[in-house]
Amino acid sequence: SKREIKMRKLDSTKVRPLKSEQLLHIEDHDFALRPGFGGSPIPVGIDVQVESIDSISEVDMDFTMTLYLRHYWKDERLSFRSNKNKSMTFDGRLIKKIWVPDVFFVHSKRSFIHDTTVENIMLRVYPDGNVLFSLRITVSAMCFMDFSRFPLDTQNCSLELESYAYNEDDLMLYWKHGNKSLSTDEHISLSQFFIEEFSASSGLAFYSSTGWYNRLFINFALRRHIFFFVLQSYFPAMLMVMLSWVSFWIDRRAVPARVSLGITTVLTMSTIMTGVSASMPQVSYIKAVDVYLWISFLFVFLSVIEYAAVNYLTTIEERKQLKKRGKASGMYSMDAVQAMAFDGCFHDTDVDMDLSPFPDPCEENETRASQTNISNADTPRLKRKRSLKGNVGRIILQNNHVIDTYSRIIFPSVYIVFNFFYWGLYI
């Protein structure tokens, strides 16, 4: 009746399909099922354009990549008549009403489709039913890194694509244009890595409960820039090792100077090692940088031990000499070098020290030196200079321990050999 027809028109629950939906006959088919359901698997071609690699994280062992992901398949249910054989392009609003491949990223941590100013989704349908589905996605995925050669390493990472619900009996995932299916922006660059290559490959993945699935791989190799780590780690470590060798040329009786220099270099090396470890994951194996820093730390530590040995042997030698020169009155006569070890003051001539009362040695030595200068005031200046040079030369020779002499040659030689071996092994 006319009344029923009028009520049907006024029914708000009935939404008339859009003109594009009428042209594609969307309401005439069940798009919950894949195209060709019950028959052979539907082929879905993939091509990818990498826009940028945003970051590489060694601590989290992942990378972040922005890319254009494009799908190609044929759904005859979407075919339409077109006199000019032109395709129709739609945005993301039509995606929820038709069947699209359920491709996901394996080992993905985070991913999202860009939505500024609208969702970056494009759907293009051709008259014969061929479909192009394009997305702009940023994805963060795991990269299983090996840091045994860090920072002289090359990391191989891959982004893996796979259908979540449809195994190989329902969907065949493949690269649309073979090796040319993967393209990259020419301006892609990273601060710490040099991108050596991009490549596309394919394979199969097996799950015990659901079967075999087609899987596509986006492979890329990253070689680390070494110059940053040379400036921040290797070069400071070299300087600290060479600085520790300065103590071999310092007077063996200058205890504060040599001990403070050794402790300073040890603490600085510890700071460098701590800084490198803080920026790295806590792996259970030794890295290349650990080998270099620990060997350098060992050289610095041995320079401190070297002076401890020198000081100990010097003390034993002086005690033996004092016993040989001992007098019945308890007075010991010693030269300027030996006296300096006890009172910390420089002596031009041999002095007698009373070890029992220990008066202020510096004041007595200054008085004795002033008396000597007064008595020798009439001597010629040239004779005083020659005598001073002879005393200084004798003091230097006497203060040069045999261990220091050998250390000046052995330490640099062994460290140079280690550097040649290290860089030759890892580069």
Protein backbone atom coordinates (compact mmCIF):
# COMPACT_ATOMS: atom_id res chain seq x y z
CA SER A 1 0.00 0.00 0.00
CA LYS A 2 1.00 3.64 -0.28
CA ARG A 3 1.24 3.91 3.50
CA GLU A 4 3.72 1.02 3.74
CA ILE A 5 5.87 2.50 0.97
CA LYS A 6 5.92 5.85 2.75
CA MET A 7 6.88 4.24 6.08
CA ARG A 8 9.69 2.34 4.38
CA LYS A 9 11.11 5.58 2.98
CA LEU A 10 10.99 7.23 6.41
CA ASP A 11 12.76 4.30 8.12
CA SER A 12 16.06 5.83 9.43
CA THR A 13 17.67 2.42 9.92
CA LYS A 14 17.87 1.89 6.22
CA VAL A 15 20.93 3.70 4.82
CA ARG A 16 21.14 3.96 1.10
CA PRO A 17 24.53 2.93 -0.31
CA LEU A 18 26.77 5.52 -1.83
CA LYS A 19 27.05 5.85 -5.56
CA SER A 20 30.54 4.31 -5.56
CA GLU A 21 29.29 1.37 -3.51
CA GLN A 22 26.46 0.83 -5.93
CA LEU A 23 28.92 0.84 -8.81
CA LEU A 24 31.15 -1.75 -7.08
CA HIS A 25 28.15 -3.87 -6.01
CA ILE A 26 29.45 -4.07 -2.45
CA GLU A 27 26.12 -5.06 -0.95
CA ASP A 28 25.74 -7.95 -3.39
CA HIS A 29 28.71 -9.90 -2.02
CA ASP A 30 30.01 -11.21 1.29
CA PHE A 31 33.43 -9.57 1.66
CA ALA A 32 34.14 -11.44 4.88
CA LEU A 33 35.36 -14.24 2.61
CA ARG A 34 38.54 -13.96 0.57
CA PRO A 35 38.32 -13.76 -3.22
CA GLY A 36 38.00 -17.20 -4.81
CA PHE A 37 37.07 -18.84 -1.52
CA GLY A 38 37.28 -22.63 -1.74
CA GLY A 39 39.60 -22.57 -4.71
CA SER A 40 43.30 -21.98 -5.22
CA PRO A 41 45.10 -19.49 -2.94
CA ILE A 42 44.77 -15.86 -3.93
CA PRO A 43 48.08 -14.28 -5.01
CA VAL A 44 48.87 -10.98 -3.26
CA GLY A 45 51.82 -9.01 -4.61
CA ILE A 46 53.80 -6.67 -2.38
CA ASP A 47 56.14 -3.81 -3.11
CA VAL A 48 57.74 -1.47 -0.59
CA GLN A 49 59.31 1.96 -0.78
CA VAL A 50 61.41 2.79 2.28
CA GLU A 51 61.07 6.46 3.12
CA SER A 52 63.46 6.62 6.06
CA ILE A 53 65.19 4.63 8.78
CA ASP A 54 64.46 6.79 11.79
CA SER A 55 66.61 5.21 14.48
CA ILE A 56 68.75 2.23 15.44
CA SER A 57 68.83 1.35 19.15
CA GLU A 58 71.60 -0.92 20.44
CA VAL A 59 70.18 -0.92 23.96
CA ASP A 60 66.69 -2.07 22.88
CA MET A 61 68.00 -4.03 19.88
CA ASP A 62 65.44 -2.60 17.47
CA PHE A 63 65.06 -0.21 14.57
CA THR A 64 62.34 2.19 13.43
CA MET A 65 61.46 2.49 9.75
CA THR A 66 58.89 4.52 7.79
CA LEU A 67 57.73 2.96 4.53
CA TYR A 68 55.03 2.82 1.87
CA LEU A 69 53.48 -0.66 1.82
CA ARG A 70 51.53 -1.52 -1.34
CA HIS A 71 49.37 -4.61 -1.95
CA TYR A 72 48.21 -5.92 -5.33
CA TRP A 73 45.50 -8.54 -5.83
CA LYS A 74 42.45 -9.23 -7.96
CA ASP A 75 38.90 -9.40 -6.63
CA GLU A 76 36.38 -9.95 -9.39
CA ARG A 77 33.59 -8.97 -7.02
CA LEU A 78 34.85 -5.36 -7.31
CA SER A 79 34.88 -5.27 -11.13
CA PHE A 80 32.73 -2.61 -12.77
CA ARG A 81 31.85 -1.28 -16.16
CA SER A 82 33.83 1.67 -17.45
CA ASN A 83 33.63 3.08 -20.95
CA LYS A 84 36.97 4.86 -20.60
CA ASN A 85 38.66 2.00 -18.69
CA LYS A 86 39.57 4.30 -15.81
CA SER A 87 40.23 3.26 -12.25
CA MET A 88 38.51 4.59 -9.17
CA THR A 89 40.48 5.83 -6.16
CA PHE A 90 39.16 5.82 -2.61
CA ASP A 91 40.42 6.72 0.84
CA GLY A 92 40.34 4.66 4.01
CA ARG A 93 36.57 4.76 4.51
CA LEU A 94 35.97 1.98 2.02
CA ILE A 95 38.56 -0.40 3.53
CA LYS A 96 36.20 -1.61 6.27
CA LYS A 97 33.60 -2.73 3.73
CA ILE A 98 35.71 -4.91 1.45
CA TRP A 99 38.24 -7.71 1.82
CA VAL A 100 41.89 -6.67 2.18
CA PRO A 101 44.97 -8.81 2.99
CA ASP A 102 45.78 -9.05 6.69
CA VAL A 103 49.53 -8.48 6.37
CA PHE A 104 51.38 -7.82 9.62
CA PHE A 105 55.01 -7.24 10.65
CA VAL A 106 56.69 -10.15 12.39
CA HIS A 107 58.72 -9.23 15.53
CA SER A 108 57.12 -5.78 15.50
CA LYS A 109 57.13 -3.84 18.77
CA ARG A 110 55.16 -0.77 17.72
CA SER A 111 53.59 0.32 14.45
CA PHE A 112 51.02 2.85 13.30
CA ILE A 113 49.46 4.24 10.14
CA HIS A 114 50.03 7.96 9.70
CA ASP A 115 46.84 9.96 10.06
CA THR A 116 47.78 13.56 9.33
CA THR A 117 45.75 15.22 8.00
CA VAL A 118 43.71 12.09 7.31
CA GLU A 119 44.67 8.43 7.39
CA ASN A 120 47.39 7.78 4.82
CA ILE A 121 45.47 5.01 3.07
CA MET A 122 44.77 4.73 -0.61
CA LEU A 123 42.59 2.17 -2.42
CA ARG A 124 42.51 2.05 -6.21
CA VAL A 125 40.12 -0.29 -8.03
CA TYR A 126 40.37 -1.09 -11.76
CA PRO A 127 37.46 -2.15 -13.98
CA ASP A 128 38.72 -5.74 -14.25
CA GLY A 129 38.76 -6.13 -10.45
CA ASN A 130 42.49 -5.50 -9.86
CA VAL A 131 43.10 -3.64 -6.60
CA LEU A 132 45.95 -1.50 -5.34
CA PHE A 133 46.00 -0.93 -1.58
CA SER A 134 48.68 1.45 -0.23
CA LEU A 135 49.59 2.42 3.34
CA ARG A 136 52.14 4.77 4.90
CA ILE A 137 53.38 3.05 8.05
CA THR A 138 56.02 3.60 10.72
CA VAL A 139 57.09 0.37 12.38
CA SER A 140 59.57 -0.49 15.14
CA ALA A 141 60.81 -4.06 14.93
CA MET A 142 63.39 -6.24 16.60
CA CYS A 143 66.86 -6.64 15.16
CA PHE A 144 68.95 -9.47 16.57
CA MET A 145 72.31 -7.75 16.84
CA ASP A 146 75.72 -9.27 17.50
CA PHE A 147 78.04 -6.93 19.42
CA SER A 148 81.09 -9.19 19.58
CA ARG A 149 82.89 -6.84 17.14
CA PHE A 150 81.40 -3.57 18.46
CA PRO A 151 82.14 -0.82 17.44
CA LEU A 152 83.80 -2.35 14.38
CA ASP A 153 80.67 -4.34 13.57
CA THR A 154 78.22 -4.70 10.71
CA GLN A 155 74.60 -5.40 11.66
CA ASN A 156 72.15 -7.30 9.44
CA CYS A 157 68.52 -6.48 10.16
CA SER A 158 65.30 -7.47 8.44
CA LEU A 159 61.66 -6.44 8.44
CA GLU A 160 59.40 -9.46 7.91
CA LEU A 161 55.88 -9.41 6.42
CA GLU A 162 53.37 -12.21 6.73
CA SER A 163 49.63 -12.88 6.61
CA TYR A 164 48.20 -13.36 10.07
CA ALA A 165 45.12 -15.49 9.34
CA TYR A 166 45.60 -16.99 5.87
CA ASN A 167 48.19 -19.72 5.44
CA GLU A 168 49.65 -20.79 2.11
CA ASP A 169 46.47 -22.72 1.23
CA ASP A 170 44.47 -19.49 1.14
CA LEU A 171 46.94 -16.69 0.36
CA MET A 172 50.18 -16.62 -1.59
CA LEU A 173 52.32 -13.63 -0.63
CA TYR A 174 55.06 -12.68 -3.12
CA TRP A 175 57.16 -9.74 -4.27
CA LYS A 176 55.30 -8.00 -7.09
CA HIS A 177 58.34 -7.06 -9.20
CA GLY A 178 60.94 -9.46 -7.87
CA ASN A 179 64.12 -7.80 -6.63
CA LYS A 180 62.87 -4.45 -7.94
CA SER A 181 59.93 -4.55 -5.55
CA LEU A 182 62.05 -2.85 -2.86
CA SER A 183 63.05 0.76 -3.45
CA THR A 184 64.61 3.32 -1.13
CA ASP A 185 64.92 7.05 -0.89
CA GLU A 186 68.29 8.30 -2.11
CA HIS A 187 68.67 10.62 0.86
CA ILE A 188 68.45 7.98 3.61
CA SER A 189 71.30 8.45 6.07
CA LEU A 190 72.05 7.59 9.69
CA SER A 191 74.32 9.28 12.21
CA GLN A 192 76.20 6.15 13.35
CA PHE A 193 75.67 3.76 10.45
CA PHE A 194 76.35 3.52 6.76
CA ILE A 195 73.66 1.60 4.85
CA GLU A 196 75.53 -0.90 2.70
CA GLU A 197 72.63 -2.59 0.91
CA PHE A 198 68.90 -3.24 0.72
CA SER A 199 67.56 -6.54 -0.59
CA ALA A 200 64.27 -8.42 -0.80
CA SER A 201 63.82 -12.14 -0.17
CA SER A 202 61.04 -14.59 0.60
CA GLY A 203 60.54 -17.80 2.52
CA LEU A 204 58.13 -19.90 4.55
CA ALA A 205 57.27 -19.88 8.23
CA PHE A 206 55.79 -22.85 10.06
CA TYR A 207 53.50 -22.78 13.08
CA SER A 208 52.59 -26.10 14.67
CA SER A 209 48.95 -25.19 15.18
CA THR A 210 48.12 -23.38 11.93
CA GLY A 211 50.55 -24.59 9.27
CA TRP A 212 52.83 -22.92 6.73
CA TYR A 213 52.75 -19.23 5.83
CA ASN A 214 54.45 -17.18 3.13
CA ARG A 215 56.87 -14.65 4.55
CA LEU A 216 58.63 -11.72 2.86
CA PHE A 217 61.88 -10.17 4.09
CA ILE A 218 63.24 -6.64 3.74
CA ASN A 219 66.95 -7.11 4.46
CA PHE A 220 69.46 -4.31 5.01
CA ALA A 221 73.06 -4.24 6.22
CA LEU A 222 74.37 -1.45 8.45
CA ARG A 223 78.07 -0.76 8.90
CA ARG A 224 78.97 1.39 11.90
CA HIS A 225 80.97 4.59 11.55
CA ILE A 226 84.12 4.12 13.64
CA PHE A 227 85.32 7.73 13.81
CA PHE A 228 82.92 8.69 16.62
CA PHE A 229 84.19 5.88 18.85
CA VAL A 230 87.81 6.65 18.00
CA LEU A 231 87.32 10.18 19.36
CA GLN A 232 85.21 9.17 22.37
CA SER A 233 86.82 5.92 23.52
CA TYR A 234 89.94 4.72 21.71
CA PHE A 235 91.90 7.98 21.54
CA PRO A 236 91.34 8.93 25.23
CA ALA A 237 92.35 5.39 26.25
CA MET A 238 95.57 5.71 24.21
CA LEU A 239 96.36 9.05 25.87
CA MET A 240 95.80 7.63 29.35
CA VAL A 241 98.13 4.72 28.67
CA MET A 242 100.85 7.02 27.33
CA LEU A 243 100.33 9.40 30.27
CA SER A 244 100.95 6.55 32.70
CA TRP A 245 104.38 6.04 31.08
CA VAL A 246 105.44 9.55 32.18
CA SER A 247 106.00 8.17 35.69
CA PHE A 248 108.95 6.11 34.36
CA TRP A 249 110.87 9.39 33.81
CA ILE A 250 109.98 10.90 37.19
CA ASP A 251 112.42 10.59 40.09
CA ARG A 252 111.76 7.31 41.85
CA ARG A 253 111.87 9.15 45.21
CA ALA A 254 109.09 11.55 44.21
CA VAL A 255 106.46 9.32 45.76
CA PRO A 256 103.50 11.79 45.71
CA ALA A 257 104.05 12.66 42.03
CA ARG A 258 104.25 9.09 40.77
CA VAL A 259 101.46 7.69 42.95
CA SER A 260 99.03 10.51 42.15
CA LEU A 261 99.75 10.18 38.42
CA GLY A 262 99.11 6.44 38.55
CA ILE A 263 95.86 6.77 40.50
CA THR A 264 94.61 9.53 38.19
CA THR A 265 95.14 7.48 35.05
CA VAL A 266 93.49 4.42 36.63
CA LEU A 267 90.39 6.42 37.62
CA THR A 268 90.18 8.05 34.19
CA MET A 269 90.31 4.68 32.46
CA SER A 270 87.54 3.45 34.77
CA THR A 271 85.39 6.44 33.79
CA ILE A 272 85.90 5.77 30.08
CA MET A 273 84.94 2.11 30.49
CA THR A 274 81.85 2.99 32.51
CA GLY A 275 80.68 5.49 29.89
CA VAL A 276 80.98 2.95 27.08
CA SER A 277 79.17 0.24 29.07
CA ALA A 278 76.29 2.58 29.99
CA SER A 279 75.33 3.07 26.33
CA MET A 280 75.37 -0.64 25.49
CA PRO A 281 73.07 -3.56 26.31
CA GLN A 282 74.20 -5.86 29.10
CA VAL A 283 75.31 -8.75 26.91
CA SER A 284 76.98 -11.85 28.30
CA TYR A 285 79.92 -11.91 25.89
CA ILE A 286 82.99 -9.74 25.40
CA LYS A 287 82.86 -6.94 22.84
CA ALA A 288 85.79 -5.69 20.79
CA VAL A 289 85.82 -2.35 22.61
CA ASP A 290 85.93 -4.22 25.94
CA VAL A 291 89.09 -6.02 24.84
CA TYR A 292 90.81 -2.75 23.95
CA LEU A 293 89.74 -0.85 27.07
CA TRP A 294 90.58 -3.68 29.46
CA ILE A 295 94.02 -4.19 27.91
CA SER A 296 94.62 -0.43 28.14
CA PHE A 297 93.44 -0.50 31.75
CA LEU A 298 95.88 -3.34 32.41
CA PHE A 299 98.79 -1.27 31.04
CA VAL A 300 97.83 1.65 33.30
CA PHE A 301 97.49 -0.66 36.29
CA LEU A 302 100.85 -2.29 35.62
CA SER A 303 102.54 1.12 35.55
CA VAL A 304 101.32 1.65 39.13
CA ILE A 305 102.53 -1.82 40.15
CA GLU A 306 105.86 -1.07 38.45
CA TYR A 307 106.46 1.90 40.73
CA ALA A 308 105.45 -0.14 43.79
CA ALA A 309 108.14 -2.66 42.85
CA VAL A 310 110.70 0.12 42.27
CA ASN A 311 109.94 1.75 45.60
CA TYR A 312 110.05 -1.55 47.49
CA LEU A 313 113.38 -2.63 45.97
CA THR A 314 114.85 0.82 46.59
CA THR A 315 113.87 0.68 50.27
CA ILE A 316 115.45 -2.75 50.70
CA GLU A 317 118.66 -1.60 49.01
CA GLU A 318 118.95 1.49 51.23
CA ARG A 319 118.41 -0.52 54.39
CA LYS A 320 121.27 -2.80 53.41
CA GLN A 321 123.52 0.20 52.78
CA LEU A 322 122.60 1.77 56.11
CA LYS A 323 123.48 -1.42 57.95
CA LYS A 324 126.88 -1.51 56.27
CA ARG A 325 127.59 2.14 57.18
CA GLY A 326 126.27 1.90 60.71
CA LYS A 327 128.34 3.43 63.53
CA ALA A 328 128.52 2.50 67.15
CA SER A 329 127.09 5.90 68.16
CA GLY A 330 123.92 5.33 66.13
CA MET A 331 124.85 7.95 63.51
CA TYR A 332 124.50 7.02 59.85
CA SER A 333 126.32 8.77 57.06
CA MET A 334 124.52 8.74 53.74
CA ASP A 335 124.70 10.57 50.48
CA ALA A 336 122.18 13.12 49.24
CA VAL A 337 120.10 10.57 47.37
CA GLN A 338 119.60 8.35 50.40
CA ALA A 339 118.91 11.28 52.70
CA MET A 340 116.20 12.52 50.40
CA ALA A 341 114.28 9.26 50.90
CA PHE A 342 114.05 9.93 54.65
CA ASP A 343 113.57 13.66 55.12
CA GLY A 344 112.14 14.69 51.73
CA CYS A 345 114.76 17.50 51.36
CA PHE A 346 117.39 17.85 48.68
CA HIS A 347 121.08 17.64 49.84
CA ASP A 348 124.12 18.82 47.91
CA THR A 349 126.65 16.88 49.98
CA ASP A 350 126.81 13.87 52.17
CA VAL A 351 125.01 14.39 55.48
CA ASP A 352 124.89 12.71 58.84
CA MET A 353 121.47 11.92 60.22
CA ASP A 354 120.67 10.92 63.76
CA LEU A 355 117.83 8.45 63.43
CA SER A 356 116.95 8.39 67.13
CA PRO A 357 115.75 11.95 67.96
CA PHE A 358 114.75 12.96 64.38
CA PRO A 359 115.15 16.77 64.65
CA ASP A 360 113.74 18.99 61.93
CA PRO A 361 115.93 17.85 59.01
CA CYS A 362 114.98 20.55 56.59
CA GLU A 363 116.07 23.36 58.95
CA GLU A 364 119.42 21.67 59.68
CA ASN A 365 120.07 21.08 56.01
CA GLU A 366 119.22 24.70 55.15
CA THR A 367 121.62 25.93 57.85
CA ARG A 368 124.34 23.62 56.66
CA ALA A 369 123.79 24.65 53.07
CA SER A 370 123.96 28.35 53.99
CA GLN A 371 127.24 27.80 55.86
CA THR A 372 128.67 25.96 52.90
CA ASN A 373 127.66 28.79 50.57
CA ILE A 374 129.32 31.38 52.85
CA SER A 375 132.55 29.41 53.04
CA ASN A 376 132.65 28.99 49.30
CA ALA A 377 131.73 32.59 48.48
CA ASP A 378 135.23 33.32 47.26
CA THR A 379 135.34 30.38 44.83
CA PRO A 380 134.92 31.18 41.11
CA ARG A 381 131.41 31.00 39.62
CA LEU A 382 132.51 28.65 36.84
CA LYS A 383 133.78 26.13 39.37
CA ARG A 384 130.42 26.20 41.22
CA LYS A 385 128.48 25.56 38.00
CA ARG A 386 130.63 22.59 37.07
CA SER A 387 130.30 21.19 40.57
CA LEU A 388 126.51 21.65 40.49
CA LYS A 389 126.23 19.96 37.11
CA GLY A 390 128.27 17.04 38.37
CA ASN A 391 126.08 16.64 41.46
CA VAL A 392 122.83 16.83 39.46
CA GLY A 393 124.10 14.28 36.95
CA ARG A 394 125.16 11.95 39.74
CA ILE A 395 121.76 12.29 41.43
CA ILE A 396 119.88 11.52 38.20
CA LEU A 397 121.99 8.43 37.55
CA GLN A 398 121.57 7.20 41.10
CA ASN A 399 117.78 7.77 41.05
CA ASN A 400 117.31 5.85 37.79
CA HIS A 401 116.31 2.33 38.82
CA VAL A 402 116.93 -0.54 36.42
CA ILE A 403 113.19 -1.41 36.38
CA ASP A 404 112.33 2.10 35.18
CA THR A 405 114.96 1.81 32.45
CA TYR A 406 113.48 -1.42 31.10
CA SER A 407 109.89 -0.16 31.50
CA ARG A 408 110.57 2.83 29.23
CA ILE A 409 111.23 0.37 26.40
CA ILE A 410 109.03 -2.64 27.19
CA PHE A 411 105.73 -0.87 27.90
CA PRO A 412 105.57 1.21 24.65
CA SER A 413 106.83 -1.71 22.54
CA VAL A 414 104.23 -4.17 23.84
CA TYR A 415 101.43 -1.61 23.52
CA ILE A 416 102.34 -0.87 19.89
CA VAL A 417 102.36 -4.59 19.10
CA PHE A 418 98.95 -4.95 20.76
CA ASN A 419 97.50 -2.11 18.66
CA PHE A 420 98.76 -3.62 15.42
CA PHE A 421 97.29 -6.99 16.37
CA TYR A 422 93.96 -5.51 17.51
CA TRP A 423 93.27 -3.33 14.47
CA GLY A 424 94.48 -6.03 12.11
CA LEU A 425 92.10 -8.57 13.67
CA TYR A 426 88.91 -6.51 13.77
CA ILE A 427 89.18 -4.34 10.66
